[in-house]
Amino acid sequence: MTNKATRVLLGVRGMSREAGTTVSEALAALPGVVKATPDEGQIEVHYDPSQLTVMDLVRAVRRQGFLAGML
């Protein structure tokens, strides 16, 4: 992992705070994700850009059944 994780805020359409827990757990399971913190309608993700791209994170959210994009 690089010395400093990159932070991105993902907007997640239709995601409640409760669903955010499930989505953040799925993100946290990805190699390279340091932390995923949900809030209603968004998730703050700290990740290693040498292992993942923002699109990788968006795809992981989509696999959970939600549309997502970078804010």
N, C-alpha and C. Protein backbone atom coordinates (compact mmCIF):
# COMPACT_ATOMS: atom_id res chain seq x y z
N MET A 1 0.84 -1.18 0.00
CA MET A 1 0.00 0.00 0.00
C MET A 1 0.89 1.25 0.00
N THR A 2 0.41 2.29 -0.69
CA THR A 2 1.15 3.53 -0.69
C THR A 2 1.10 4.14 0.71
N ASN A 3 1.93 5.16 0.92
CA ASN A 3 2.00 5.78 2.24
C ASN A 3 0.72 6.48 2.65
N LYS A 4 -0.01 6.99 1.68
CA LYS A 4 -1.20 7.76 2.02
C LYS A 4 -2.39 7.26 1.22
N ALA A 5 -3.46 6.96 1.92
CA ALA A 5 -4.68 6.52 1.25
C ALA A 5 -5.36 7.73 0.61
N THR A 6 -6.05 7.47 -0.48
CA THR A 6 -6.84 8.49 -1.17
C THR A 6 -8.26 8.44 -0.64
N ARG A 7 -8.86 9.62 -0.50
CA ARG A 7 -10.24 9.71 0.00
C ARG A 7 -11.15 10.08 -1.15
N VAL A 8 -12.29 9.39 -1.23
CA VAL A 8 -13.31 9.72 -2.22
C VAL A 8 -14.67 9.65 -1.54
N LEU A 9 -15.55 10.53 -1.96
CA LEU A 9 -16.92 10.51 -1.45
C LEU A 9 -17.81 10.04 -2.58
N LEU A 10 -18.50 8.92 -2.35
CA LEU A 10 -19.40 8.36 -3.34
C LEU A 10 -20.84 8.67 -2.96
N GLY A 11 -21.58 9.21 -3.89
CA GLY A 11 -23.01 9.39 -3.71
C GLY A 11 -23.70 8.11 -4.12
N VAL A 12 -24.64 7.65 -3.31
CA VAL A 12 -25.32 6.39 -3.59
C VAL A 12 -26.82 6.65 -3.60
N ARG A 13 -27.42 6.53 -4.76
CA ARG A 13 -28.84 6.84 -4.93
C ARG A 13 -29.72 5.83 -4.21
N GLY A 14 -30.62 6.34 -3.37
CA GLY A 14 -31.61 5.50 -2.71
C GLY A 14 -31.11 4.69 -1.53
N MET A 15 -29.90 4.94 -1.09
CA MET A 15 -29.34 4.14 0.01
C MET A 15 -29.68 4.78 1.35
N SER A 16 -30.31 4.00 2.19
CA SER A 16 -30.60 4.45 3.56
C SER A 16 -29.36 4.26 4.42
N ARG A 17 -29.40 4.78 5.60
CA ARG A 17 -28.27 4.61 6.53
C ARG A 17 -28.07 3.12 6.84
N GLU A 18 -29.16 2.38 6.99
CA GLU A 18 -29.05 0.95 7.30
C GLU A 18 -28.40 0.18 6.16
N ALA A 19 -28.84 0.46 4.93
CA ALA A 19 -28.24 -0.22 3.77
C ALA A 19 -26.78 0.19 3.62
N GLY A 20 -26.46 1.40 4.06
CA GLY A 20 -25.08 1.87 3.98
C GLY A 20 -24.10 1.00 4.73
N THR A 21 -24.57 0.41 5.81
CA THR A 21 -23.71 -0.50 6.58
C THR A 21 -23.32 -1.70 5.74
N THR A 22 -24.29 -2.27 5.05
CA THR A 22 -24.03 -3.44 4.20
C THR A 22 -23.10 -3.07 3.04
N VAL A 23 -23.37 -1.94 2.41
CA VAL A 23 -22.56 -1.50 1.28
C VAL A 23 -21.13 -1.19 1.74
N SER A 24 -20.98 -0.53 2.88
CA SER A 24 -19.64 -0.20 3.36
C SER A 24 -18.86 -1.46 3.74
N GLU A 25 -19.54 -2.48 4.24
CA GLU A 25 -18.87 -3.74 4.55
C GLU A 25 -18.37 -4.40 3.27
N ALA A 26 -19.16 -4.32 2.20
CA ALA A 26 -18.74 -4.88 0.92
C ALA A 26 -17.51 -4.13 0.38
N LEU A 27 -17.52 -2.82 0.52
CA LEU A 27 -16.36 -2.03 0.09
C LEU A 27 -15.14 -2.35 0.93
N ALA A 28 -15.31 -2.43 2.25
CA ALA A 28 -14.19 -2.69 3.15
C ALA A 28 -13.55 -4.06 2.89
N ALA A 29 -14.30 -4.97 2.30
CA ALA A 29 -13.77 -6.30 2.00
C ALA A 29 -12.85 -6.29 0.78
N LEU A 30 -12.87 -5.22 0.00
CA LEU A 30 -12.01 -5.14 -1.18
C LEU A 30 -10.56 -4.92 -0.76
N PRO A 31 -9.63 -5.64 -1.39
CA PRO A 31 -8.22 -5.38 -1.09
C PRO A 31 -7.87 -3.95 -1.50
N GLY A 32 -7.28 -3.21 -0.59
CA GLY A 32 -6.89 -1.84 -0.88
C GLY A 32 -7.78 -0.80 -0.24
N VAL A 33 -8.95 -1.21 0.26
CA VAL A 33 -9.82 -0.27 0.97
C VAL A 33 -9.40 -0.23 2.43
N VAL A 34 -9.07 0.96 2.90
CA VAL A 34 -8.64 1.15 4.28
C VAL A 34 -9.83 1.33 5.19
N LYS A 35 -10.81 2.14 4.71
CA LYS A 35 -11.97 2.45 5.54
C LYS A 35 -13.12 2.86 4.62
N ALA A 36 -14.33 2.47 4.99
CA ALA A 36 -15.53 2.90 4.27
C ALA A 36 -16.57 3.30 5.33
N THR A 37 -16.93 4.58 5.32
CA THR A 37 -17.83 5.12 6.33
C THR A 37 -19.13 5.57 5.67
N PRO A 38 -20.25 4.92 5.99
CA PRO A 38 -21.51 5.28 5.35
C PRO A 38 -22.22 6.43 6.06
N ASP A 39 -23.02 7.12 5.29
CA ASP A 39 -23.96 8.12 5.78
C ASP A 39 -25.16 8.00 4.86
N GLU A 40 -26.24 8.65 5.17
CA GLU A 40 -27.42 8.51 4.32
C GLU A 40 -27.15 9.11 2.94
N GLY A 41 -27.17 8.25 1.93
CA GLY A 41 -26.98 8.68 0.55
C GLY A 41 -25.54 8.82 0.10
N GLN A 42 -24.59 8.53 0.96
CA GLN A 42 -23.19 8.63 0.55
C GLN A 42 -22.29 7.75 1.40
N ILE A 43 -21.11 7.47 0.86
CA ILE A 43 -20.10 6.70 1.58
C ILE A 43 -18.75 7.35 1.34
N GLU A 44 -18.04 7.58 2.43
CA GLU A 44 -16.66 8.08 2.34
C GLU A 44 -15.73 6.88 2.35
N VAL A 45 -14.89 6.79 1.32
CA VAL A 45 -14.00 5.63 1.19
C VAL A 45 -12.55 6.11 1.14
N HIS A 46 -11.72 5.48 1.94
CA HIS A 46 -10.28 5.70 1.93
C HIS A 46 -9.67 4.43 1.33
N TYR A 47 -8.92 4.60 0.24
CA TYR A 47 -8.42 3.43 -0.47
C TYR A 47 -7.03 3.70 -1.05
N ASP A 48 -6.38 2.61 -1.44
CA ASP A 48 -5.05 2.68 -2.06
C ASP A 48 -5.23 2.74 -3.57
N PRO A 49 -4.91 3.88 -4.20
CA PRO A 49 -5.11 4.01 -5.64
C PRO A 49 -4.17 3.15 -6.48
N SER A 50 -3.17 2.55 -5.87
CA SER A 50 -2.32 1.63 -6.62
C SER A 50 -2.97 0.26 -6.75
N GLN A 51 -4.05 0.02 -5.98
CA GLN A 51 -4.76 -1.26 -6.04
C GLN A 51 -6.15 -1.15 -6.63
N LEU A 52 -6.79 0.01 -6.52
CA LEU A 52 -8.17 0.19 -6.96
C LEU A 52 -8.34 1.53 -7.65
N THR A 53 -9.36 1.60 -8.49
CA THR A 53 -9.77 2.87 -9.07
C THR A 53 -11.13 3.24 -8.48
N VAL A 54 -11.55 4.47 -8.73
CA VAL A 54 -12.87 4.89 -8.28
C VAL A 54 -13.93 4.01 -8.95
N MET A 55 -13.72 3.67 -10.21
CA MET A 55 -14.69 2.81 -10.90
C MET A 55 -14.80 1.44 -10.25
N ASP A 56 -13.71 0.90 -9.71
CA ASP A 56 -13.78 -0.36 -8.98
C ASP A 56 -14.71 -0.22 -7.77
N LEU A 57 -14.61 0.92 -7.09
CA LEU A 57 -15.46 1.17 -5.92
C LEU A 57 -16.92 1.31 -6.35
N VAL A 58 -17.15 2.05 -7.42
CA VAL A 58 -18.52 2.23 -7.93
C VAL A 58 -19.12 0.88 -8.34
N ARG A 59 -18.34 0.05 -9.00
CA ARG A 59 -18.84 -1.28 -9.39
C ARG A 59 -19.20 -2.12 -8.17
N ALA A 60 -18.42 -2.02 -7.11
CA ALA A 60 -18.71 -2.77 -5.88
C ALA A 60 -20.04 -2.32 -5.28
N VAL A 61 -20.30 -1.01 -5.33
CA VAL A 61 -21.58 -0.49 -4.83
C VAL A 61 -22.71 -0.99 -5.72
N ARG A 62 -22.51 -0.97 -7.01
CA ARG A 62 -23.55 -1.44 -7.95
C ARG A 62 -23.88 -2.91 -7.73
N ARG A 63 -22.88 -3.70 -7.37
CA ARG A 63 -23.14 -5.13 -7.08
C ARG A 63 -24.05 -5.29 -5.87
N GLN A 64 -24.13 -4.26 -5.04
CA GLN A 64 -25.02 -4.29 -3.87
C GLN A 64 -26.42 -3.79 -4.22
N GLY A 65 -26.62 -3.40 -5.50
CA GLY A 65 -27.95 -3.02 -5.95
C GLY A 65 -28.23 -1.53 -5.96
N PHE A 66 -27.19 -0.70 -5.90
CA PHE A 66 -27.38 0.76 -5.87
C PHE A 66 -26.59 1.43 -6.97
N LEU A 67 -27.09 2.55 -7.46
CA LEU A 67 -26.34 3.38 -8.39
C LEU A 67 -25.45 4.31 -7.59
N ALA A 68 -24.22 4.49 -8.06
CA ALA A 68 -23.27 5.32 -7.32
C ALA A 68 -22.45 6.16 -8.28
N GLY A 69 -21.91 7.24 -7.75
CA GLY A 69 -21.01 8.09 -8.52
C GLY A 69 -20.19 8.93 -7.56
N MET A 70 -19.11 9.47 -8.07
CA MET A 70 -18.23 10.29 -7.25
C MET A 70 -18.85 11.66 -7.04
N LEU A 71 -18.80 12.14 -5.80
CA LEU A 71 -19.31 13.48 -5.50
C LEU A 71 -18.18 14.49 -5.53
